[in-house]
Amino acid sequence: MFAPAVTDVDLKDCFFYHTMDLPGIGLVKGAWDLRGKFQEYTDHFDFSGKRVLDVGAGSGFLSFSAEKAGAREVVSFDMDDSSRQDFLPFANKLAFRDRDAFSAEHNKWIAQWRNAYWLSHRLLAAKSKVFYGDIYSIPMEIGQFDVSIVGSVLEHLSDPIKAIASVSRVTSDTMIIVTCMLDTDAKIAEFLGDSSKPENDFVFWSYSRAVYHHVLSMLNFRICSCELFVSVSFK
């Protein structure tokens, strides 16, 4: 069920989503630098002895940090194919005109993303497992997790509610959801797409705090901590 480890990875073949400090290499820069901020990012959650699912693991910073924080087992989840990724329908972009051709090219970039994970995994001597699949349909066979981290993923999905429901099925206790939220008790959403910005074709929705409250309540979770970017909920 879990992906076999990839050990023969060269740095030049990697794309890092997260900035990392790697033994034998040093600093590698990514789009996001969460070094020294893991506890704040996860609302100071105690990962000791927990089985953890890291949803949208990217180059693995959150997975490796949860392991370092005492998790007994970590599973890193990411898409199994670029065809899973949602994009806004800009008529002149290849992702809309020819999805198969786009996916073939995009998979090359996804491979670099995975390489960064596996290179970091080896150099950090991590024990985390990896599952590649569909975020909208995470299989029950993957097992139950004490806590799932959904870090800056939902805004990139056309159907965030379906994704939350999928994650909830394999989460027995706590979901840590990190995303942008509207500061209102009205049950509303803001569309983040902009027809004048085709370069931002990968952002969809920002929901209000009230939407998260009601959706999580439907799933028998209750919010125990909520700020504009982090929501921690448990059954």
Protein backbone atom coordinates (compact mmCIF):
# COMPACT_ATOMS: atom_id res chain seq x y z
CA MET A 1 0.00 0.00 0.00
CA PHE A 2 2.82 2.40 0.81
CA ALA A 3 5.27 3.66 -1.79
CA PRO A 4 8.74 2.09 -1.82
CA ALA A 5 11.52 4.41 -0.69
CA VAL A 6 13.56 6.07 -3.42
CA THR A 7 17.22 6.28 -2.42
CA ASP A 8 19.12 7.20 -5.60
CA VAL A 9 18.14 10.90 -5.82
CA ASP A 10 20.40 13.75 -6.88
CA LEU A 11 19.90 17.30 -5.63
CA LYS A 12 19.77 18.70 -9.18
CA ASP A 13 16.66 16.60 -9.83
CA CYS A 14 14.71 18.09 -6.91
CA PHE A 15 12.15 20.84 -6.45
CA PHE A 16 11.73 21.93 -2.82
CA TYR A 17 8.39 23.27 -1.68
CA HIS A 18 9.78 23.83 1.82
CA THR A 19 13.05 25.45 2.84
CA MET A 20 15.09 22.77 4.60
CA ASP A 21 18.41 22.26 6.38
CA LEU A 22 19.78 18.95 5.13
CA PRO A 23 22.79 17.07 6.54
CA GLY A 24 25.68 17.02 4.08
CA ILE A 25 24.02 19.66 1.88
CA GLY A 26 23.04 22.55 4.11
CA LEU A 27 20.33 25.04 3.24
CA VAL A 28 17.95 24.32 0.35
CA LYS A 29 15.42 27.05 -0.36
CA GLY A 30 11.76 26.46 -1.10
CA ALA A 31 8.64 28.56 -1.48
CA TRP A 32 7.82 28.31 2.24
CA ASP A 33 10.18 28.53 5.20
CA LEU A 34 8.62 27.01 8.32
CA ARG A 35 11.87 26.31 10.13
CA GLY A 36 11.45 27.02 13.82
CA LYS A 37 7.71 27.56 13.34
CA PHE A 38 6.34 24.00 13.38
CA GLN A 39 4.83 24.22 16.86
CA GLU A 40 3.18 27.56 16.06
CA TYR A 41 2.00 26.27 12.67
CA THR A 42 0.30 23.27 14.31
CA ASP A 43 -1.10 25.27 17.25
CA HIS A 44 1.38 23.68 19.72
CA PHE A 45 -0.24 20.27 19.34
CA ASP A 46 1.42 17.41 21.25
CA PHE A 47 2.39 14.77 18.68
CA SER A 48 3.95 12.41 21.22
CA GLY A 49 2.91 8.81 20.52
CA LYS A 50 0.43 9.83 17.80
CA ARG A 51 -0.14 8.26 14.40
CA VAL A 52 -0.04 11.23 12.01
CA LEU A 53 -1.27 11.82 8.46
CA ASP A 54 0.38 14.74 6.64
CA VAL A 55 -1.98 15.68 3.80
CA GLY A 56 -0.23 17.32 0.84
CA ALA A 57 3.22 16.60 2.22
CA GLY A 58 5.22 18.31 -0.54
CA SER A 59 8.92 18.02 0.25
CA GLY A 60 8.06 16.65 3.68
CA PHE A 61 8.89 19.35 6.22
CA LEU A 62 5.73 18.83 8.29
CA SER A 63 6.06 15.04 8.16
CA PHE A 64 9.65 15.10 9.33
CA SER A 65 8.87 17.70 11.99
CA ALA A 66 5.98 15.62 13.37
CA GLU A 67 8.30 12.62 13.55
CA LYS A 68 10.91 14.70 15.35
CA ALA A 69 8.18 15.92 17.73
CA GLY A 70 7.59 12.36 18.93
CA ALA A 71 4.94 10.89 16.59
CA ARG A 72 5.03 7.09 16.70
CA GLU A 73 4.25 6.84 12.98
CA VAL A 74 3.87 9.38 10.19
CA VAL A 75 2.30 8.82 6.78
CA SER A 76 2.94 11.47 4.13
CA PHE A 77 0.08 11.77 1.64
CA ASP A 78 0.31 13.36 -1.79
CA MET A 79 -1.30 13.04 -5.22
CA ASP A 80 -0.48 9.94 -7.23
CA ASP A 81 -0.67 11.75 -10.56
CA SER A 82 -0.80 15.35 -11.73
CA SER A 83 -4.22 14.69 -13.27
CA ARG A 84 -5.54 14.88 -9.68
CA GLN A 85 -4.60 18.53 -9.37
CA ASP A 86 -7.33 21.12 -9.86
CA PHE A 87 -6.84 24.20 -12.03
CA LEU A 88 -9.07 27.11 -12.92
CA PRO A 89 -10.42 26.96 -16.52
CA PHE A 90 -8.32 29.53 -18.35
CA ALA A 91 -9.17 28.84 -22.00
CA ASN A 92 -5.69 29.62 -23.34
CA LYS A 93 -3.79 27.40 -20.92
CA LEU A 94 -2.72 23.87 -21.72
CA ALA A 95 -4.28 22.53 -18.52
CA PHE A 96 -7.67 23.44 -19.97
CA ARG A 97 -7.06 22.88 -23.72
CA ASP A 98 -5.42 19.45 -23.47
CA ARG A 99 -5.41 17.96 -20.00
CA ASP A 100 -3.61 14.78 -21.02
CA ALA A 101 -0.75 16.69 -22.64
CA PHE A 102 -0.54 19.00 -19.65
CA SER A 103 -0.49 16.12 -17.17
CA ALA A 104 2.34 14.43 -19.05
CA GLU A 105 4.46 17.59 -18.70
CA HIS A 106 3.30 18.38 -15.17
CA ASN A 107 4.19 14.89 -13.97
CA LYS A 108 7.84 15.71 -14.67
CA TRP A 109 7.60 18.53 -12.15
CA ILE A 110 5.73 16.31 -9.68
CA ALA A 111 8.61 13.84 -9.97
CA GLN A 112 11.05 16.58 -8.92
CA TRP A 113 8.80 17.36 -5.95
CA ARG A 114 8.86 13.69 -4.92
CA ASN A 115 12.63 13.57 -5.38
CA ALA A 116 13.00 16.43 -2.89
CA TYR A 117 10.94 14.46 -0.38
CA TRP A 118 12.93 11.27 -0.79
CA LEU A 119 16.30 13.02 -0.71
CA SER A 120 15.29 14.75 2.54
CA HIS A 121 13.88 11.48 3.89
CA ARG A 122 17.21 9.72 3.37
CA LEU A 123 19.46 12.51 4.65
CA LEU A 124 17.31 13.06 7.75
CA ALA A 125 17.07 9.30 8.38
CA ALA A 126 13.28 9.67 8.53
CA LYS A 127 10.99 6.69 9.08
CA SER A 128 7.81 8.21 7.65
CA LYS A 129 5.83 6.20 5.11
CA VAL A 130 4.36 7.57 1.90
CA PHE A 131 0.97 7.03 0.28
CA TYR A 132 0.15 8.48 -3.13
CA GLY A 133 -3.53 8.75 -4.01
CA ASP A 134 -6.62 10.94 -4.44
CA ILE A 135 -7.32 13.46 -1.67
CA TYR A 136 -11.04 13.23 -2.44
CA SER A 137 -11.03 9.49 -1.82
CA ILE A 138 -8.46 8.45 0.78
CA PRO A 139 -8.95 4.69 1.27
CA MET A 140 -9.94 3.34 4.67
CA GLU A 141 -7.30 0.64 4.20
CA ILE A 142 -4.64 3.23 5.02
CA GLY A 143 -5.79 2.93 8.63
CA GLN A 144 -6.92 5.39 11.26
CA PHE A 145 -4.84 8.36 12.40
CA ASP A 146 -4.87 10.13 15.74
CA VAL A 147 -4.22 13.43 14.00
CA SER A 148 -4.24 14.67 10.41
CA ILE A 149 -2.44 17.82 9.30
CA VAL A 150 -4.06 19.60 6.35
CA GLY A 151 -1.51 22.35 5.76
CA SER A 152 -2.28 25.03 3.15
CA VAL A 153 -3.99 22.54 0.84
CA LEU A 154 -7.69 23.40 0.82
CA GLU A 155 -7.36 26.71 -1.02
CA HIS A 156 -5.87 24.80 -3.96
CA LEU A 157 -8.86 22.48 -4.34
CA SER A 158 -12.05 23.01 -6.30
CA ASP A 159 -14.00 21.10 -3.62
CA PRO A 160 -12.44 21.67 -0.17
CA ILE A 161 -15.49 20.28 1.65
CA LYS A 162 -15.19 16.93 -0.12
CA ALA A 163 -11.50 16.84 0.80
CA ILE A 164 -12.19 17.56 4.48
CA ALA A 165 -14.78 14.77 4.50
CA SER A 166 -12.27 12.38 2.94
CA VAL A 167 -9.63 13.20 5.55
CA SER A 168 -12.15 12.92 8.38
CA ARG A 169 -12.93 9.29 7.51
CA VAL A 170 -9.40 8.22 8.41
CA THR A 171 -9.00 10.58 11.39
CA SER A 172 -10.10 9.23 14.75
CA ASP A 173 -9.40 12.27 16.91
CA THR A 174 -7.92 15.55 15.62
CA MET A 175 -7.63 17.51 12.37
CA ILE A 176 -5.27 20.47 12.18
CA ILE A 177 -6.42 22.58 9.23
CA VAL A 178 -4.23 25.44 8.09
CA THR A 179 -5.84 27.67 5.49
CA CYS A 180 -7.01 31.23 4.90
CA MET A 181 -10.37 31.96 6.55
CA LEU A 182 -12.87 34.79 6.33
CA ASP A 183 -13.39 36.46 9.70
CA THR A 184 -17.15 36.28 9.84
CA ASP A 185 -19.92 34.18 11.32
CA ALA A 186 -21.81 34.30 8.03
CA LYS A 187 -21.84 31.05 6.09
CA ILE A 188 -20.07 32.38 3.00
CA ALA A 189 -17.14 31.71 0.67
CA GLU A 190 -14.92 34.00 -1.37
CA PHE A 191 -13.79 32.98 -4.84
CA LEU A 192 -10.04 33.59 -5.06
CA GLY A 193 -9.72 33.22 -8.82
CA ASP A 194 -9.10 36.31 -10.96
CA SER A 195 -9.55 36.34 -14.74
CA SER A 196 -6.73 38.90 -15.04
CA LYS A 197 -4.25 36.60 -13.25
CA PRO A 198 -3.88 33.37 -15.23
CA GLU A 199 -0.64 32.67 -13.36
CA ASN A 200 -2.75 32.07 -10.24
CA ASP A 201 -4.83 29.27 -11.72
CA PHE A 202 -4.35 27.03 -8.66
CA VAL A 203 -6.32 28.90 -5.97
CA PHE A 204 -10.08 28.53 -5.60
CA TRP A 205 -11.86 29.29 -2.34
CA SER A 206 -11.61 30.93 1.05
CA TYR A 207 -14.40 29.86 3.42
CA SER A 208 -15.64 31.67 6.48
CA ARG A 209 -15.06 30.45 10.00
CA ALA A 210 -18.78 29.60 10.13
CA VAL A 211 -18.55 27.29 7.13
CA TYR A 212 -15.78 25.31 8.81
CA HIS A 213 -17.81 25.15 12.01
CA HIS A 214 -20.84 23.68 10.24
CA VAL A 215 -18.95 21.30 7.94
CA LEU A 216 -16.83 19.94 10.79
CA SER A 217 -19.96 19.57 12.95
CA MET A 218 -21.57 17.53 10.19
CA LEU A 219 -18.56 15.21 10.39
CA ASN A 220 -18.88 14.91 14.21
CA PHE A 221 -15.86 17.12 14.87
CA ARG A 222 -15.92 20.24 17.01
CA ILE A 223 -13.58 23.19 16.75
CA CYS A 224 -11.48 23.59 19.88
CA SER A 225 -9.17 26.32 18.57
CA CYS A 226 -9.70 28.66 15.65
CA GLU A 227 -7.80 31.65 14.35
CA LEU A 228 -7.83 33.16 10.88
CA PHE A 229 -5.34 30.64 9.55
CA VAL A 230 -5.43 27.62 11.87
CA SER A 231 -8.38 25.54 12.96
CA VAL A 232 -7.91 22.57 15.31
CA SER A 233 -10.90 20.30 15.63
CA PHE A 234 -11.50 16.97 17.32
CA LYS A 235 -14.24 14.44 17.83
